[in-house]
Amino acid sequence: MSGNKYCIASPHKDESWYDYRLYENLKHSLRKLGFVHQAAAKNRIYFLGAPLKKHYPKVGQFDPQANNIALIYCHLQKIHSLREFDHIFVTSEYARRYLTRRRFKGWLRGKFSSTFDTQRKIRVMRPFSSLSPLLEIPEEYRCDISFMGVPRKRPIVEDILPIVEKHGLKFQIIGPSWQNYPGDKRAKAYCIGASVPYKNLPFVAQGATINLVDHHESMKKQGMVSHKYIDLINAGGFVISDNNKDAKNSYNGIVYRSANELEALVLKYLYDHEKRDKKRTEQWNLTKGLTTDAAAKTFAECFVD
């Protein structure tokens, strides 16, 4: 039966990309439901953070006759068309509103033939995670503050480095090639490794007193948190984010707007276990249902024979 076959089009080629884990985890959850990943299957899930490509590895050429499902998780401004998709998901209510406004503006201008137009409902599928807290954390993961990411210039790293050195804090960075970081050269001294296996992310989340998460500028403005943000919360971590309105308003998250505010938040929560634990528990209760298994069931409901 073709109904139990599907494939995923992902721009992330290997495990050095954080969201490659999203691809692998979703395949695992769909496998548990009895679905088989097969290239060029009729049911096709597209992870979109950029314009749709004509060809994806393990999927093949885009087929307008297939059952095409979009999961748009960042860079909404780069999405040029929705008409090709039978099902459309975005990761926040803010993102849904953004695309709805963009579509409505096209209608007002009389561009009814615009490729951006779609009669399909735009639905919200919040970022999902396959993680949960662990009981024992290896000592090597213990630190005051941690950050995970690739070494493009990171404002959150630029902001935290002077705070770390001023207060003598233990800071750990996890990511590849931080010796080539284009910003503050002090950053490379804090890198402890290129990557951590996904199953070990709770060690990072719980081993750090504070986990820092940043987002692309467009994600902050449009209001979309990353899957990494949800991963760290579901893994039992206490998180401070850059000024992302989705983090603040949808997940009651702690965000900062300036280096001075970040310093005040770090000092406030670093030494106050009760406040930190209260916020961590509050957020975990909001996100614990955002699981890859639940997302897989929603995708499966969209599949056709």
Protein backbone atom coordinates (compact mmCIF):
# COMPACT_ATOMS: atom_id res chain seq x y z
CA MET A 1 0.00 0.00 0.00
CA SER A 2 1.32 3.47 -0.90
CA GLY A 3 -0.44 4.94 2.13
CA ASN A 4 2.22 3.63 4.50
CA LYS A 5 5.06 5.14 2.44
CA TYR A 6 6.40 8.67 2.83
CA CYS A 7 9.59 10.68 2.41
CA ILE A 8 11.02 13.83 3.98
CA ALA A 9 12.67 16.65 2.06
CA SER A 10 15.19 18.29 4.37
CA PRO A 11 17.90 20.86 3.55
CA HIS A 12 20.05 19.48 6.40
CA LYS A 13 22.55 17.01 4.98
CA ASP A 14 24.18 15.52 8.07
CA GLU A 15 24.31 15.58 11.85
CA SER A 16 26.45 18.75 11.91
CA TRP A 17 23.16 20.59 11.28
CA TYR A 18 21.08 20.78 14.44
CA ASP A 19 17.79 20.29 12.59
CA TYR A 20 19.06 17.09 10.97
CA ARG A 21 18.05 15.55 14.30
CA LEU A 22 14.50 16.69 13.61
CA TYR A 23 14.57 14.70 10.37
CA GLU A 24 15.93 11.56 12.02
CA ASN A 25 13.59 11.78 15.02
CA LEU A 26 10.49 12.18 12.85
CA LYS A 27 11.48 9.15 10.76
CA HIS A 28 11.85 7.14 13.98
CA SER A 29 8.42 8.18 15.28
CA LEU A 30 6.72 7.46 11.96
CA ARG A 31 8.42 4.07 11.86
CA LYS A 32 6.86 3.24 15.22
CA LEU A 33 3.46 3.98 13.65
CA GLY A 34 4.16 1.52 10.85
CA PHE A 35 5.18 3.96 8.12
CA VAL A 36 8.10 3.36 5.77
CA HIS A 37 10.46 6.07 4.47
CA GLN A 38 10.88 5.59 0.73
CA ALA A 39 12.31 7.95 -1.87
CA ALA A 40 9.75 9.51 -4.21
CA ALA A 41 6.82 8.24 -2.10
CA LYS A 42 3.42 9.82 -2.68
CA ASN A 43 3.34 11.37 0.82
CA ARG A 44 6.08 14.01 1.01
CA ILE A 45 6.97 16.20 3.99
CA TYR A 46 8.98 19.32 3.18
CA PHE A 47 10.98 21.09 5.91
CA LEU A 48 11.03 24.68 4.69
CA GLY A 49 13.15 27.57 5.88
CA ALA A 50 13.87 28.79 2.36
CA PRO A 51 12.24 28.67 -1.09
CA LEU A 52 11.17 25.24 -2.28
CA LYS A 53 13.85 23.44 -4.30
CA LYS A 54 13.08 21.44 -7.41
CA HIS A 55 15.04 18.42 -6.18
CA TYR A 56 15.86 16.97 -2.75
CA PRO A 57 18.06 13.94 -1.96
CA LYS A 58 16.04 10.85 -0.96
CA VAL A 59 12.90 12.50 -2.35
CA GLY A 60 13.59 13.34 -5.99
CA GLN A 61 12.03 15.96 -8.25
CA PHE A 62 9.13 17.95 -6.87
CA ASP A 63 5.90 16.28 -8.02
CA PRO A 64 2.77 18.45 -7.97
CA GLN A 65 0.67 15.27 -8.15
CA ALA A 66 2.11 13.95 -4.86
CA ASN A 67 0.59 14.63 -1.44
CA ASN A 68 2.87 17.52 -0.52
CA ILE A 69 3.02 18.65 3.12
CA ALA A 70 4.95 21.74 4.22
CA LEU A 71 6.41 22.37 7.66
CA ILE A 72 7.67 25.97 7.64
CA TYR A 73 9.86 26.55 10.68
CA CYS A 74 11.89 29.71 9.96
CA HIS A 75 12.58 32.50 7.46
CA LEU A 76 8.97 33.08 6.47
CA GLN A 77 10.02 36.00 4.27
CA LYS A 78 11.90 33.56 2.00
CA ILE A 79 8.83 31.45 1.23
CA HIS A 80 7.63 32.53 -2.20
CA SER A 81 4.81 30.09 -2.79
CA LEU A 82 2.29 27.97 -0.90
CA ARG A 83 0.10 26.82 -3.75
CA GLU A 84 2.07 23.60 -4.32
CA PHE A 85 1.12 22.16 -0.93
CA ASP A 86 -1.87 20.09 0.11
CA HIS A 87 -1.18 20.70 3.83
CA ILE A 88 0.65 23.65 5.38
CA PHE A 89 2.04 23.80 8.91
CA VAL A 90 3.92 26.60 10.65
CA THR A 91 5.48 26.51 14.10
CA SER A 92 3.70 29.39 15.82
CA GLU A 93 0.48 31.36 15.85
CA TYR A 94 2.55 34.45 14.98
CA ALA A 95 3.79 32.69 11.84
CA ARG A 96 0.26 31.70 10.87
CA ARG A 97 -0.87 35.32 11.21
CA TYR A 98 2.13 36.53 9.20
CA LEU A 99 1.36 34.25 6.26
CA THR A 100 -2.37 34.98 6.48
CA ARG A 101 -1.70 38.74 6.32
CA ARG A 102 0.66 38.23 3.40
CA ARG A 103 -1.98 36.24 1.54
CA PHE A 104 -4.69 38.79 2.34
CA LYS A 105 -2.54 41.64 1.00
CA GLY A 106 -2.33 39.76 -2.28
CA TRP A 107 -6.11 39.52 -2.43
CA LEU A 108 -6.48 43.26 -1.75
CA ARG A 109 -4.14 44.01 -4.63
CA GLY A 110 -6.17 41.78 -6.92
CA LYS A 111 -3.36 39.24 -7.33
CA PHE A 112 -5.65 36.25 -7.24
CA SER A 113 -3.28 34.30 -9.50
CA SER A 114 -0.32 34.88 -7.22
CA THR A 115 1.63 31.71 -6.50
CA PHE A 116 1.51 32.66 -2.83
CA ASP A 117 -2.24 32.31 -2.75
CA THR A 118 -3.67 29.05 -1.39
CA GLN A 119 -7.10 27.83 -0.40
CA ARG A 120 -5.52 25.45 2.10
CA LYS A 121 -5.79 26.10 5.81
CA ILE A 122 -2.53 27.16 7.45
CA ARG A 123 -2.20 25.15 10.67
CA VAL A 124 0.11 25.46 13.67
CA MET A 125 2.40 22.59 14.61
CA ARG A 126 4.61 23.86 17.40
CA PRO A 127 8.26 22.76 17.52
CA PHE A 128 8.53 19.24 18.87
CA SER A 129 11.08 17.23 20.80
CA SER A 130 12.04 13.63 21.56
CA LEU A 131 13.74 14.49 24.86
CA SER A 132 12.90 14.27 28.56
CA PRO A 133 14.90 14.96 31.74
CA LEU A 134 17.43 12.43 33.04
CA LEU A 135 18.27 11.59 36.65
CA GLU A 136 22.07 11.50 36.52
CA ILE A 137 24.25 14.12 34.83
CA PRO A 138 27.97 13.45 34.18
CA GLU A 139 30.23 15.93 35.91
CA GLU A 140 31.88 17.08 32.66
CA TYR A 141 28.62 18.71 31.60
CA ARG A 142 28.33 20.80 34.76
CA CYS A 143 28.77 24.51 34.16
CA ASP A 144 27.20 27.88 34.91
CA ILE A 145 26.20 28.69 31.33
CA SER A 146 26.11 26.76 28.07
CA PHE A 147 25.47 27.57 24.43
CA MET A 148 25.09 25.26 21.41
CA GLY A 149 25.43 26.38 17.81
CA VAL A 150 27.55 26.87 14.73
CA PRO A 151 30.03 29.77 14.69
CA ARG A 152 28.29 32.41 12.63
CA LYS A 153 28.53 35.71 14.51
CA ARG A 154 26.22 35.33 17.50
CA PRO A 155 25.02 38.44 19.35
CA ILE A 156 24.16 36.31 22.39
CA VAL A 157 27.76 35.03 22.56
CA GLU A 158 29.10 38.56 22.10
CA ASP A 159 26.89 39.68 24.99
CA ILE A 160 27.69 36.84 27.39
CA LEU A 161 31.50 36.74 27.05
CA PRO A 162 32.19 39.96 28.99
CA ILE A 163 29.72 38.82 31.68
CA VAL A 164 31.42 35.44 31.98
CA GLU A 165 34.86 36.99 32.35
CA LYS A 166 33.73 39.77 34.67
CA HIS A 167 32.14 37.34 37.14
CA GLY A 168 34.47 34.36 36.66
CA LEU A 169 31.72 32.02 35.43
CA LYS A 170 32.15 28.59 33.87
CA PHE A 171 30.95 28.85 30.28
CA GLN A 172 30.78 26.02 27.72
CA ILE A 173 30.18 26.23 23.98
CA ILE A 174 29.30 23.17 21.91
CA GLY A 175 29.56 23.37 18.15
CA PRO A 176 31.88 22.75 15.19
CA SER A 177 34.76 25.00 14.08
CA TRP A 178 34.59 27.60 16.82
CA GLN A 179 38.28 28.27 16.21
CA ASN A 180 37.00 30.13 13.13
CA TYR A 181 34.38 32.20 14.98
CA PRO A 182 34.18 35.62 13.23
CA GLY A 183 33.28 37.55 16.39
CA ASP A 184 34.98 37.94 19.78
CA LYS A 185 38.04 35.68 19.57
CA ARG A 186 37.75 34.77 23.25
CA ALA A 187 34.83 32.50 22.33
CA LYS A 188 36.99 29.67 20.96
CA ALA A 189 38.58 29.08 24.37
CA TYR A 190 35.20 28.01 25.76
CA CYS A 191 34.36 25.39 23.12
CA ILE A 192 34.37 21.90 24.66
CA GLY A 193 33.34 19.88 21.61
CA ALA A 194 31.93 19.89 18.09
CA SER A 195 28.69 18.11 18.91
CA VAL A 196 26.74 16.04 21.41
CA PRO A 197 24.61 13.01 20.48
CA TYR A 198 20.94 13.94 20.57
CA LYS A 199 20.20 11.41 23.32
CA ASN A 200 22.80 13.20 25.49
CA LEU A 201 21.29 16.68 25.15
CA PRO A 202 19.63 16.34 28.58
CA PHE A 203 23.18 16.20 29.98
CA VAL A 204 23.81 19.62 28.43
CA ALA A 205 20.40 21.04 29.38
CA GLN A 206 20.50 19.91 33.00
CA GLY A 207 24.26 20.18 33.46
CA ALA A 208 24.20 23.91 32.78
CA THR A 209 22.61 26.18 35.35
CA ILE A 210 21.60 28.45 32.46
CA ASN A 211 21.18 27.50 28.79
CA LEU A 212 21.38 30.30 26.23
CA VAL A 213 19.38 30.11 22.99
CA ASP A 214 19.40 32.56 20.11
CA HIS A 215 17.41 32.85 16.88
CA HIS A 216 17.80 34.31 13.43
CA GLU A 217 16.72 37.95 13.37
CA SER A 218 13.70 37.10 11.20
CA MET A 219 12.55 34.44 13.68
CA LYS A 220 12.67 36.98 16.50
CA LYS A 221 10.67 39.55 14.54
CA GLN A 222 8.16 37.09 13.10
CA GLY A 223 7.75 35.21 16.38
CA MET A 224 9.01 31.63 15.98
CA VAL A 225 11.10 29.67 18.46
CA SER A 226 13.48 26.96 17.30
CA HIS A 227 13.16 23.25 17.88
CA LYS A 228 16.35 23.59 19.94
CA TYR A 229 14.51 25.92 22.33
CA ILE A 230 11.83 23.26 22.95
CA ASP A 231 14.45 20.50 23.14
CA LEU A 232 16.29 22.24 25.98
CA ILE A 233 13.11 22.86 27.96
CA ASN A 234 11.80 19.31 27.47
CA ALA A 235 15.22 17.98 28.47
CA GLY A 236 14.90 19.74 31.83
CA GLY A 237 16.92 22.86 31.16
CA PHE A 238 16.53 26.42 32.37
CA VAL A 239 16.65 28.69 29.31
CA ILE A 240 17.32 32.36 28.61
CA SER A 241 16.60 33.43 25.02
CA ASP A 242 17.21 36.47 22.90
CA ASN A 243 14.22 38.77 22.51
CA ASN A 244 11.87 36.38 20.71
CA LYS A 245 8.19 37.25 21.19
CA ASP A 246 7.12 33.63 20.69
CA ALA A 247 9.41 32.53 23.54
CA LYS A 248 8.10 35.29 25.77
CA ASN A 249 4.38 35.13 25.01
CA SER A 250 3.73 31.51 24.01
CA TYR A 251 6.07 29.77 26.46
CA ASN A 252 6.37 32.33 29.30
CA GLY A 253 10.09 32.36 28.53
CA ILE A 254 12.79 34.60 29.90
CA VAL A 255 14.20 36.86 27.18
CA TYR A 256 16.68 39.72 27.22
CA ARG A 257 16.91 42.91 25.18
CA SER A 258 20.36 44.27 26.07
CA ALA A 259 23.68 43.09 27.46
CA ASN A 260 22.94 44.85 30.75
CA GLU A 261 19.60 43.04 31.04
CA LEU A 262 21.30 39.72 30.26
CA GLU A 263 23.81 40.33 33.03
CA ALA A 264 21.04 41.10 35.52
CA LEU A 265 19.11 37.96 34.53
CA VAL A 266 22.19 35.74 34.76
CA LEU A 267 23.01 36.99 38.25
CA LYS A 268 19.39 36.76 39.34
CA TYR A 269 18.83 33.15 38.30
CA LEU A 270 22.32 31.72 38.66
CA TYR A 271 22.18 31.90 42.43
CA ASP A 272 18.46 31.51 43.09
CA HIS A 273 17.57 27.85 42.76
CA GLU A 274 13.92 28.32 43.75
CA LYS A 275 13.18 30.96 41.12
CA ARG A 276 15.08 29.00 38.51
CA ASP A 277 13.29 25.74 39.30
CA LYS A 278 9.90 27.43 39.33
CA LYS A 279 10.41 28.89 35.84
CA ARG A 280 11.87 25.65 34.49
CA THR A 281 8.90 23.64 35.78
CA GLU A 282 6.42 26.20 34.47
CA GLN A 283 7.88 26.04 30.98
CA TRP A 284 8.24 22.25 30.99
CA ASN A 285 4.55 21.92 31.83
CA LEU A 286 3.78 24.03 28.76
CA THR A 287 6.01 22.06 26.38
CA LYS A 288 5.99 18.47 27.62
CA GLY A 289 3.20 17.56 25.19
CA LEU A 290 5.16 18.88 22.20
CA THR A 291 6.64 15.52 21.27
CA THR A 292 7.88 14.07 18.00
CA ASP A 293 5.45 11.16 18.47
CA ALA A 294 2.52 13.59 18.59
CA ALA A 295 3.79 15.43 15.51
CA ALA A 296 4.19 12.11 13.67
CA LYS A 297 0.53 11.27 14.34
CA THR A 298 -0.54 14.64 12.93
CA PHE A 299 1.52 14.14 9.79
CA ALA A 300 0.17 10.59 9.44
CA GLU A 301 -3.39 11.93 9.48
CA CYS A 302 -2.47 13.88 6.33
CA PHE A 303 -1.17 10.82 4.44
CA VAL A 304 -3.14 9.33 1.57
CA ASP A 305 -3.11 5.93 -0.16
